[in-house]
Amino acid sequence: MNQQQLIEQMVKEVMASLGAAGKDSEGKSSCAGAVSKADYPLGEKRPELLKTPTGKTLKEITLDKVIEGSVNAADVRISPETLELQAQVAESVGRDAFARNLRRAAELIAVPDERILQIYNALRPYRSTKQELLEIADELGNKYGAAVNAAFVREAAEVYEQRNRLRQD
């Protein structure tokens, strides 16, 4: 199994754990609420499928509710499920790489924003040791269930080592 196939397998496993896995024998998504190009834009054509991480629907997000304080920043963040639906639309028009990016983003929703920025900085050349990168990968995989992103950080640690881009203590 090559690296691309391994990554694709990990994505399928992650999406299965989110309750949005798999494809049937024709390559179509088998999850409930499967969408395609015909459903885009989702907010207009399939708003009943969209929910925020706090469970609010699009109809519940109004300017009046923002002003009265019953809708806050957490209510308008994107959910992993919405990213999966967007990935399905992307796949339906042949944008498989974009779909994979959306699924990787879905994995990272559980990671706090501040930690994402720390990881981003740690991934810059000469900022981290190999051990620090491997610890980040373990954290992503074990604490946040972000298996695909963890694999990317492990790969970065190996590539940085080969190209002499690791911080030397």
N, C-alpha and C. Protein backbone atom coordinates (compact mmCIF):
# COMPACT_ATOMS: atom_id res chain seq x y z
N MET A 1 0.86 -1.18 0.00
CA MET A 1 0.00 0.00 0.00
C MET A 1 0.90 1.24 0.00
N ASN A 2 0.71 2.11 -1.01
CA ASN A 2 1.53 3.31 -1.05
C ASN A 2 1.00 4.36 -0.07
N GLN A 3 1.76 5.43 0.05
CA GLN A 3 1.42 6.45 1.05
C GLN A 3 0.06 7.10 0.75
N GLN A 4 -0.23 7.37 -0.51
CA GLN A 4 -1.51 7.99 -0.86
C GLN A 4 -2.67 7.08 -0.47
N GLN A 5 -2.54 5.78 -0.74
CA GLN A 5 -3.59 4.84 -0.38
C GLN A 5 -3.75 4.75 1.14
N LEU A 6 -2.62 4.79 1.85
CA LEU A 6 -2.66 4.75 3.30
C LEU A 6 -3.41 5.97 3.85
N ILE A 7 -3.11 7.13 3.31
CA ILE A 7 -3.79 8.35 3.75
C ILE A 7 -5.28 8.27 3.45
N GLU A 8 -5.62 7.80 2.24
CA GLU A 8 -7.03 7.68 1.89
C GLU A 8 -7.75 6.72 2.83
N GLN A 9 -7.09 5.62 3.19
CA GLN A 9 -7.68 4.66 4.12
C GLN A 9 -7.90 5.31 5.49
N MET A 10 -6.91 6.09 5.95
CA MET A 10 -7.06 6.75 7.24
C MET A 10 -8.22 7.74 7.21
N VAL A 11 -8.37 8.47 6.09
CA VAL A 11 -9.48 9.41 5.98
C VAL A 11 -10.80 8.66 6.09
N LYS A 12 -10.92 7.53 5.40
CA LYS A 12 -12.16 6.76 5.47
C LYS A 12 -12.44 6.30 6.89
N GLU A 13 -11.40 5.88 7.60
CA GLU A 13 -11.58 5.42 8.97
C GLU A 13 -12.02 6.57 9.88
N VAL A 14 -11.40 7.72 9.69
CA VAL A 14 -11.77 8.89 10.50
C VAL A 14 -13.21 9.28 10.22
N MET A 15 -13.57 9.33 8.95
CA MET A 15 -14.93 9.72 8.61
C MET A 15 -15.93 8.69 9.13
N ALA A 16 -15.54 7.42 9.15
CA ALA A 16 -16.42 6.40 9.71
C ALA A 16 -16.66 6.67 11.19
N SER A 17 -15.61 7.09 11.88
CA SER A 17 -15.77 7.37 13.31
C SER A 17 -16.63 8.61 13.55
N LEU A 18 -16.73 9.46 12.54
CA LEU A 18 -17.60 10.64 12.65
C LEU A 18 -19.02 10.33 12.19
N GLY A 19 -19.24 9.10 11.74
CA GLY A 19 -20.58 8.72 11.30
C GLY A 19 -20.88 9.15 9.89
N ALA A 20 -19.84 9.39 9.10
CA ALA A 20 -20.06 9.84 7.73
C ALA A 20 -19.13 9.09 6.79
N ALA A 21 -19.09 7.79 6.90
CA ALA A 21 -18.07 7.03 6.18
C ALA A 21 -18.55 6.42 4.91
N GLY A 22 -17.52 6.05 4.15
CA GLY A 22 -17.68 5.08 3.11
C GLY A 22 -18.33 5.53 1.84
N LYS A 23 -18.13 4.66 0.85
CA LYS A 23 -18.74 4.85 -0.44
C LYS A 23 -19.28 3.52 -0.89
N ASP A 24 -20.32 3.56 -1.69
CA ASP A 24 -20.84 2.31 -2.21
C ASP A 24 -20.00 1.86 -3.40
N SER A 25 -20.41 0.78 -4.05
CA SER A 25 -19.62 0.21 -5.13
C SER A 25 -19.54 1.13 -6.33
N GLU A 26 -20.40 2.12 -6.43
CA GLU A 26 -20.37 3.07 -7.53
C GLU A 26 -19.56 4.32 -7.18
N GLY A 27 -18.94 4.35 -6.00
CA GLY A 27 -18.13 5.49 -5.61
C GLY A 27 -18.91 6.63 -5.00
N LYS A 28 -20.20 6.42 -4.74
CA LYS A 28 -21.00 7.47 -4.14
C LYS A 28 -20.97 7.33 -2.63
N SER A 29 -21.10 8.45 -1.94
CA SER A 29 -21.09 8.39 -0.48
C SER A 29 -22.28 7.60 0.00
N SER A 30 -22.04 6.76 1.01
CA SER A 30 -23.12 5.93 1.54
C SER A 30 -23.69 6.48 2.84
N CYS A 31 -23.22 7.64 3.27
CA CYS A 31 -23.72 8.17 4.53
C CYS A 31 -25.06 8.86 4.34
N ALA A 32 -25.82 8.90 5.40
CA ALA A 32 -27.10 9.58 5.35
C ALA A 32 -26.87 11.05 5.05
N GLY A 33 -27.73 11.63 4.23
CA GLY A 33 -27.56 13.03 3.91
C GLY A 33 -26.53 13.27 2.83
N ALA A 34 -26.20 12.24 2.03
CA ALA A 34 -25.21 12.40 0.97
C ALA A 34 -25.68 13.50 0.00
N VAL A 35 -24.72 14.29 -0.44
CA VAL A 35 -25.02 15.41 -1.32
C VAL A 35 -24.12 15.37 -2.55
N SER A 36 -24.47 16.19 -3.53
CA SER A 36 -23.69 16.28 -4.76
C SER A 36 -23.75 17.71 -5.29
N LYS A 37 -23.22 17.89 -6.48
CA LYS A 37 -23.21 19.20 -7.13
C LYS A 37 -24.61 19.81 -7.18
N ALA A 38 -25.61 18.97 -7.37
CA ALA A 38 -26.99 19.46 -7.47
C ALA A 38 -27.47 20.12 -6.19
N ASP A 39 -26.83 19.81 -5.07
CA ASP A 39 -27.23 20.35 -3.78
C ASP A 39 -26.49 21.64 -3.41
N TYR A 40 -25.58 22.07 -4.26
CA TYR A 40 -24.75 23.24 -3.96
C TYR A 40 -25.42 24.50 -4.47
N PRO A 41 -25.41 25.59 -3.71
CA PRO A 41 -24.86 25.76 -2.37
C PRO A 41 -25.78 25.15 -1.31
N LEU A 42 -25.16 24.46 -0.39
CA LEU A 42 -25.90 23.73 0.63
C LEU A 42 -26.81 24.63 1.46
N GLY A 43 -26.35 25.83 1.77
CA GLY A 43 -27.13 26.75 2.59
C GLY A 43 -28.44 27.15 1.95
N GLU A 44 -28.47 27.12 0.62
CA GLU A 44 -29.70 27.47 -0.09
C GLU A 44 -30.53 26.25 -0.45
N LYS A 45 -29.86 25.19 -0.88
CA LYS A 45 -30.59 24.03 -1.40
C LYS A 45 -30.83 22.92 -0.39
N ARG A 46 -29.99 22.83 0.64
CA ARG A 46 -30.14 21.77 1.65
C ARG A 46 -29.88 22.30 3.06
N PRO A 47 -30.46 23.42 3.44
CA PRO A 47 -30.17 24.00 4.76
C PRO A 47 -30.53 23.09 5.92
N GLU A 48 -31.45 22.17 5.71
CA GLU A 48 -31.84 21.25 6.80
C GLU A 48 -30.70 20.32 7.21
N LEU A 49 -29.70 20.17 6.36
CA LEU A 49 -28.56 19.31 6.68
C LEU A 49 -27.49 20.01 7.50
N LEU A 50 -27.54 21.33 7.53
CA LEU A 50 -26.47 22.10 8.15
C LEU A 50 -26.79 22.46 9.59
N LYS A 51 -25.85 22.12 10.46
CA LYS A 51 -25.96 22.46 11.88
C LYS A 51 -24.60 22.94 12.35
N THR A 52 -24.62 23.84 13.31
CA THR A 52 -23.38 24.32 13.89
C THR A 52 -22.88 23.30 14.91
N PRO A 53 -21.65 23.43 15.38
CA PRO A 53 -21.16 22.51 16.41
C PRO A 53 -22.01 22.52 17.68
N THR A 54 -22.74 23.60 17.91
CA THR A 54 -23.60 23.68 19.10
C THR A 54 -25.01 23.18 18.80
N GLY A 55 -25.25 22.73 17.57
CA GLY A 55 -26.54 22.15 17.20
C GLY A 55 -27.56 23.11 16.62
N LYS A 56 -27.19 24.36 16.44
CA LYS A 56 -28.13 25.32 15.87
C LYS A 56 -28.24 25.12 14.35
N THR A 57 -29.44 25.38 13.83
CA THR A 57 -29.66 25.33 12.39
C THR A 57 -29.41 26.70 11.80
N LEU A 58 -29.35 26.78 10.48
CA LEU A 58 -29.16 28.08 9.84
C LEU A 58 -30.29 29.05 10.16
N LYS A 59 -31.51 28.54 10.26
CA LYS A 59 -32.65 29.40 10.57
C LYS A 59 -32.52 30.05 11.95
N GLU A 60 -31.79 29.39 12.84
CA GLU A 60 -31.62 29.91 14.19
C GLU A 60 -30.53 30.96 14.30
N ILE A 61 -29.77 31.15 13.24
CA ILE A 61 -28.68 32.14 13.24
C ILE A 61 -29.19 33.40 12.55
N THR A 62 -29.59 34.38 13.34
CA THR A 62 -30.09 35.64 12.79
C THR A 62 -29.38 36.81 13.46
N LEU A 63 -29.42 37.94 12.80
CA LEU A 63 -28.81 39.14 13.37
C LEU A 63 -29.50 39.52 14.69
N ASP A 64 -30.81 39.39 14.73
CA ASP A 64 -31.54 39.70 15.96
C ASP A 64 -31.06 38.84 17.12
N LYS A 65 -30.83 37.55 16.87
CA LYS A 65 -30.38 36.66 17.93
C LYS A 65 -28.94 36.94 18.34
N VAL A 66 -28.14 37.41 17.40
CA VAL A 66 -26.77 37.82 17.74
C VAL A 66 -26.83 39.03 18.66
N ILE A 67 -27.66 40.00 18.29
CA ILE A 67 -27.79 41.23 19.08
C ILE A 67 -28.31 40.94 20.48
N GLU A 68 -29.28 40.04 20.60
CA GLU A 68 -29.83 39.71 21.92
C GLU A 68 -28.92 38.79 22.72
N GLY A 69 -27.88 38.24 22.07
CA GLY A 69 -26.91 37.42 22.79
C GLY A 69 -27.20 35.94 22.82
N SER A 70 -28.23 35.49 22.11
CA SER A 70 -28.52 34.05 22.13
C SER A 70 -27.74 33.28 21.06
N VAL A 71 -27.00 34.00 20.22
CA VAL A 71 -26.09 33.39 19.26
C VAL A 71 -24.72 34.00 19.49
N ASN A 72 -23.73 33.14 19.71
CA ASN A 72 -22.38 33.64 19.95
C ASN A 72 -21.40 33.03 18.94
N ALA A 73 -20.12 33.30 19.11
CA ALA A 73 -19.11 32.85 18.16
C ALA A 73 -19.10 31.33 18.00
N ALA A 74 -19.29 30.60 19.07
CA ALA A 74 -19.30 29.14 18.99
C ALA A 74 -20.46 28.63 18.12
N ASP A 75 -21.51 29.42 18.05
CA ASP A 75 -22.67 29.02 17.26
C ASP A 75 -22.48 29.19 15.76
N VAL A 76 -21.47 29.91 15.35
CA VAL A 76 -21.29 30.15 13.91
C VAL A 76 -20.04 29.50 13.34
N ARG A 77 -19.41 28.66 14.13
CA ARG A 77 -18.27 27.89 13.63
C ARG A 77 -18.78 26.74 12.76
N ILE A 78 -17.95 26.31 11.84
CA ILE A 78 -18.34 25.19 10.98
C ILE A 78 -18.17 23.88 11.75
N SER A 79 -18.99 22.91 11.43
CA SER A 79 -18.93 21.61 12.10
C SER A 79 -18.23 20.59 11.20
N PRO A 80 -17.70 19.53 11.78
CA PRO A 80 -17.10 18.47 10.96
C PRO A 80 -18.11 17.89 9.97
N GLU A 81 -19.35 17.79 10.37
CA GLU A 81 -20.38 17.23 9.49
C GLU A 81 -20.60 18.13 8.27
N THR A 82 -20.58 19.44 8.47
CA THR A 82 -20.74 20.36 7.35
C THR A 82 -19.55 20.25 6.40
N LEU A 83 -18.35 20.13 6.95
CA LEU A 83 -17.18 19.95 6.10
C LEU A 83 -17.26 18.65 5.31
N GLU A 84 -17.79 17.60 5.92
CA GLU A 84 -17.98 16.34 5.20
C GLU A 84 -18.95 16.53 4.04
N LEU A 85 -20.04 17.24 4.28
CA LEU A 85 -21.00 17.50 3.19
C LEU A 85 -20.34 18.29 2.07
N GLN A 86 -19.54 19.29 2.43
CA GLN A 86 -18.83 20.07 1.41
C GLN A 86 -17.84 19.19 0.65
N ALA A 87 -17.21 18.24 1.36
CA ALA A 87 -16.29 17.31 0.71
C ALA A 87 -17.03 16.44 -0.31
N GLN A 88 -18.23 16.03 0.04
CA GLN A 88 -19.03 15.23 -0.89
C GLN A 88 -19.36 16.02 -2.15
N VAL A 89 -19.69 17.28 -1.99
CA VAL A 89 -19.96 18.13 -3.16
C VAL A 89 -18.69 18.23 -4.01
N ALA A 90 -17.56 18.46 -3.37
CA ALA A 90 -16.29 18.56 -4.11
C ALA A 90 -16.01 17.28 -4.88
N GLU A 91 -16.21 16.14 -4.24
CA GLU A 91 -15.98 14.86 -4.93
C GLU A 91 -16.92 14.69 -6.12
N SER A 92 -18.14 15.16 -5.98
CA SER A 92 -19.12 14.98 -7.05
C SER A 92 -18.75 15.76 -8.31
N VAL A 93 -17.86 16.72 -8.19
CA VAL A 93 -17.39 17.48 -9.36
C VAL A 93 -15.93 17.19 -9.67
N GLY A 94 -15.43 16.09 -9.11
CA GLY A 94 -14.07 15.67 -9.43
C GLY A 94 -12.96 16.40 -8.71
N ARG A 95 -13.28 17.09 -7.64
CA ARG A 95 -12.25 17.84 -6.90
C ARG A 95 -11.84 17.04 -5.66
N ASP A 96 -11.24 15.88 -5.93
CA ASP A 96 -10.89 14.95 -4.85
C ASP A 96 -9.86 15.52 -3.89
N ALA A 97 -8.87 16.24 -4.40
CA ALA A 97 -7.85 16.82 -3.51
C ALA A 97 -8.49 17.83 -2.56
N PHE A 98 -9.40 18.64 -3.08
CA PHE A 98 -10.09 19.60 -2.23
C PHE A 98 -10.93 18.88 -1.18
N ALA A 99 -11.58 17.79 -1.58
CA ALA A 99 -12.38 17.00 -0.64
C ALA A 99 -11.50 16.47 0.49
N ARG A 100 -10.30 15.98 0.15
CA ARG A 100 -9.39 15.49 1.19
C ARG A 100 -8.99 16.63 2.13
N ASN A 101 -8.76 17.83 1.58
CA ASN A 101 -8.42 18.98 2.42
C ASN A 101 -9.56 19.30 3.39
N LEU A 102 -10.78 19.26 2.91
CA LEU A 102 -11.93 19.53 3.78
C LEU A 102 -12.03 18.50 4.89
N ARG A 103 -11.74 17.25 4.57
CA ARG A 103 -11.80 16.21 5.60
C ARG A 103 -10.67 16.35 6.61
N ARG A 104 -9.50 16.79 6.16
CA ARG A 104 -8.41 17.06 7.11
C ARG A 104 -8.81 18.22 8.02
N ALA A 105 -9.44 19.23 7.45
CA ALA A 105 -9.91 20.36 8.26
C ALA A 105 -10.94 19.89 9.29
N ALA A 106 -11.80 18.97 8.89
CA ALA A 106 -12.81 18.45 9.83
C ALA A 106 -12.15 17.79 11.03
N GLU A 107 -11.04 17.11 10.79
CA GLU A 107 -10.31 16.51 11.91
C GLU A 107 -9.81 17.56 12.90
N LEU A 108 -9.44 18.71 12.38
CA LEU A 108 -8.81 19.72 13.23
C LEU A 108 -9.79 20.60 13.99
N ILE A 109 -11.06 20.46 13.75
CA ILE A 109 -12.04 21.28 14.45
C ILE A 109 -11.96 21.08 15.96
N ALA A 110 -11.64 19.87 16.38
CA ALA A 110 -11.56 19.58 17.82
C ALA A 110 -10.35 20.21 18.48
N VAL A 111 -9.38 20.63 17.69
CA VAL A 111 -8.14 21.19 18.24
C VAL A 111 -8.35 22.69 18.49
N PRO A 112 -8.07 23.17 19.69
CA PRO A 112 -8.25 24.60 19.97
C PRO A 112 -7.42 25.48 19.01
N ASP A 113 -7.98 26.63 18.67
CA ASP A 113 -7.31 27.54 17.73
C ASP A 113 -5.89 27.88 18.16
N GLU A 114 -5.71 28.16 19.44
CA GLU A 114 -4.38 28.52 19.92
C GLU A 114 -3.38 27.38 19.69
N ARG A 115 -3.86 26.14 19.89
CA ARG A 115 -2.97 24.99 19.68
C ARG A 115 -2.66 24.81 18.19
N ILE A 116 -3.62 25.07 17.34
CA ILE A 116 -3.39 25.00 15.88
C ILE A 116 -2.26 25.95 15.50
N LEU A 117 -2.30 27.18 16.02
CA LEU A 117 -1.26 28.15 15.70
C LEU A 117 0.10 27.71 16.24
N GLN A 118 0.12 27.11 17.42
CA GLN A 118 1.38 26.60 17.97
C GLN A 118 1.93 25.48 17.09
N ILE A 119 1.07 24.60 16.64
CA ILE A 119 1.50 23.51 15.78
C ILE A 119 2.00 24.06 14.44
N TYR A 120 1.29 25.01 13.89
CA TYR A 120 1.71 25.66 12.64
C TYR A 120 3.13 26.20 12.79
N ASN A 121 3.38 26.92 13.86
CA ASN A 121 4.72 27.47 14.08
C ASN A 121 5.75 26.37 14.30
N ALA A 122 5.37 25.32 14.99
CA ALA A 122 6.29 24.21 15.23
C ALA A 122 6.67 23.50 13.94
N LEU A 123 5.80 23.55 12.95
CA LEU A 123 6.06 22.87 11.68
C LEU A 123 6.93 23.68 10.72
N ARG A 124 7.22 24.90 11.06
CA ARG A 124 8.11 25.69 10.21
C ARG A 124 9.53 25.13 10.34
N PRO A 125 10.29 25.15 9.25
CA PRO A 125 11.66 24.60 9.30
C PRO A 125 12.48 25.22 10.42
N TYR A 126 13.27 24.38 11.05
CA TYR A 126 14.22 24.75 12.11
C TYR A 126 13.56 25.17 13.42
N ARG A 127 12.26 24.98 13.56
CA ARG A 127 11.55 25.38 14.77
C ARG A 127 11.43 24.27 15.80
N SER A 128 11.52 23.01 15.35
CA SER A 128 11.27 21.88 16.25
C SER A 128 12.29 20.77 16.04
N THR A 129 12.47 20.00 17.08
CA THR A 129 13.26 18.78 16.95
C THR A 129 12.36 17.68 16.40
N LYS A 130 12.95 16.60 15.97
CA LYS A 130 12.15 15.47 15.49
C LYS A 130 11.26 14.96 16.61
N GLN A 131 11.79 14.84 17.80
CA GLN A 131 11.02 14.35 18.93
C GLN A 131 9.81 15.25 19.22
N GLU A 132 9.99 16.56 19.15
CA GLU A 132 8.86 17.48 19.38
C GLU A 132 7.78 17.28 18.32
N LEU A 133 8.17 17.09 17.07
CA LEU A 133 7.18 16.87 16.02
C LEU A 133 6.45 15.54 16.23
N LEU A 134 7.18 14.52 16.62
CA LEU A 134 6.55 13.23 16.88
C LEU A 134 5.58 13.31 18.06
N GLU A 135 5.90 14.12 19.06
CA GLU A 135 5.00 14.32 20.19
C GLU A 135 3.73 15.05 19.75
N ILE A 136 3.89 16.02 18.84
CA ILE A 136 2.71 16.71 18.29
C ILE A 136 1.83 15.72 17.53
N ALA A 137 2.46 14.87 16.73
CA ALA A 137 1.70 13.87 15.98
C ALA A 137 0.93 12.95 16.93
N ASP A 138 1.59 12.51 17.99
CA ASP A 138 0.91 11.66 18.97
C ASP A 138 -0.26 12.40 19.61
N GLU A 139 -0.05 13.66 19.93
CA GLU A 139 -1.13 14.46 20.52
C GLU A 139 -2.32 14.56 19.55
N LEU A 140 -2.04 14.87 18.30
CA LEU A 140 -3.12 14.98 17.32
C LEU A 140 -3.89 13.68 17.19
N GLY A 141 -3.16 12.59 17.12
CA GLY A 141 -3.81 11.30 16.94
C GLY A 141 -4.53 10.81 18.18
N ASN A 142 -3.86 10.91 19.32
CA ASN A 142 -4.42 10.33 20.55
C ASN A 142 -5.41 11.23 21.27
N LYS A 143 -5.11 12.50 21.34
CA LYS A 143 -5.98 13.41 22.10
C LYS A 143 -7.16 13.91 21.27
N TYR A 144 -6.92 14.15 19.97
CA TYR A 144 -7.96 14.76 19.13
C TYR A 144 -8.53 13.83 18.07
N GLY A 145 -7.98 12.64 17.94
CA GLY A 145 -8.48 11.71 16.92
C GLY A 145 -8.20 12.16 15.50
N ALA A 146 -7.19 12.98 15.32
CA ALA A 146 -6.85 13.53 14.00
C ALA A 146 -5.77 12.67 13.35
N ALA A 147 -6.15 11.46 12.95
CA ALA A 147 -5.19 10.48 12.44
C ALA A 147 -4.48 10.92 11.17
N VAL A 148 -5.20 11.51 10.24
CA VAL A 148 -4.58 11.92 8.98
C VAL A 148 -3.60 13.06 9.22
N ASN A 149 -3.99 14.03 10.02
CA ASN A 149 -3.09 15.14 10.33
C ASN A 149 -1.88 14.66 11.12
N ALA A 150 -2.08 13.71 12.01
CA ALA A 150 -0.96 13.14 12.77
C ALA A 150 0.03 12.49 11.80
N ALA A 151 -0.48 11.78 10.82
CA ALA A 151 0.40 11.14 9.82
C ALA A 151 1.19 12.19 9.05
N PHE A 152 0.57 13.32 8.74
CA PHE A 152 1.29 14.38 8.03
C PHE A 152 2.41 14.96 8.88
N VAL A 153 2.16 15.13 10.17
CA VAL A 153 3.21 15.67 11.05
C VAL A 153 4.35 14.66 11.17
N ARG A 154 4.01 13.37 11.26
CA ARG A 154 5.07 12.35 11.29
C ARG A 154 5.89 12.38 10.00
N GLU A 155 5.20 12.52 8.89
CA GLU A 155 5.89 12.61 7.60
C GLU A 155 6.79 13.84 7.57
N ALA A 156 6.31 14.95 8.08
CA ALA A 156 7.12 16.18 8.12
C ALA A 156 8.37 15.95 8.95
N ALA A 157 8.25 15.26 10.06
CA ALA A 157 9.41 14.98 10.91
C ALA A 157 10.46 14.19 10.13
N GLU A 158 10.02 13.20 9.37
CA GLU A 158 10.95 12.38 8.58
C GLU A 158 11.59 13.20 7.46
N VAL A 159 10.78 13.97 6.76
CA VAL A 159 11.29 14.79 5.65
C VAL A 159 12.24 15.85 6.17
N TYR A 160 11.88 16.51 7.26
CA TYR A 160 12.76 17.52 7.84
C TYR A 160 14.08 16.90 8.26
N GLU A 161 14.03 15.68 8.78
CA GLU A 161 15.27 15.01 9.17
C GLU A 161 16.14 14.74 7.93
N GLN A 162 15.52 14.23 6.86
CA GLN A 162 16.26 13.94 5.63
C GLN A 162 16.86 15.19 5.01
N ARG A 163 16.16 16.31 5.13
CA ARG A 163 16.59 17.56 4.49
C ARG A 163 17.32 18.50 5.46
N ASN A 164 17.59 17.98 6.65
CA ASN A 164 18.31 18.77 7.66
C ASN A 164 17.58 20.08 7.97
N ARG A 165 16.29 19.98 8.25
CA ARG A 165 15.46 21.16 8.55
C ARG A 165 14.96 21.16 9.99
N LEU A 166 15.51 20.28 10.82
CA LEU A 166 15.10 20.22 12.21
C LEU A 166 15.97 21.16 13.05
N ARG A 167 15.39 21.63 14.15
CA ARG A 167 16.15 22.45 15.08
C ARG A 167 17.18 21.54 15.75
N GLN A 168 18.36 22.04 15.86
CA GLN A 168 19.44 21.30 16.54
C GLN A 168 19.61 21.87 17.92
N ASP A 169 19.51 21.03 18.92
CA ASP A 169 19.70 21.50 20.31
C ASP A 169 21.15 21.47 20.71
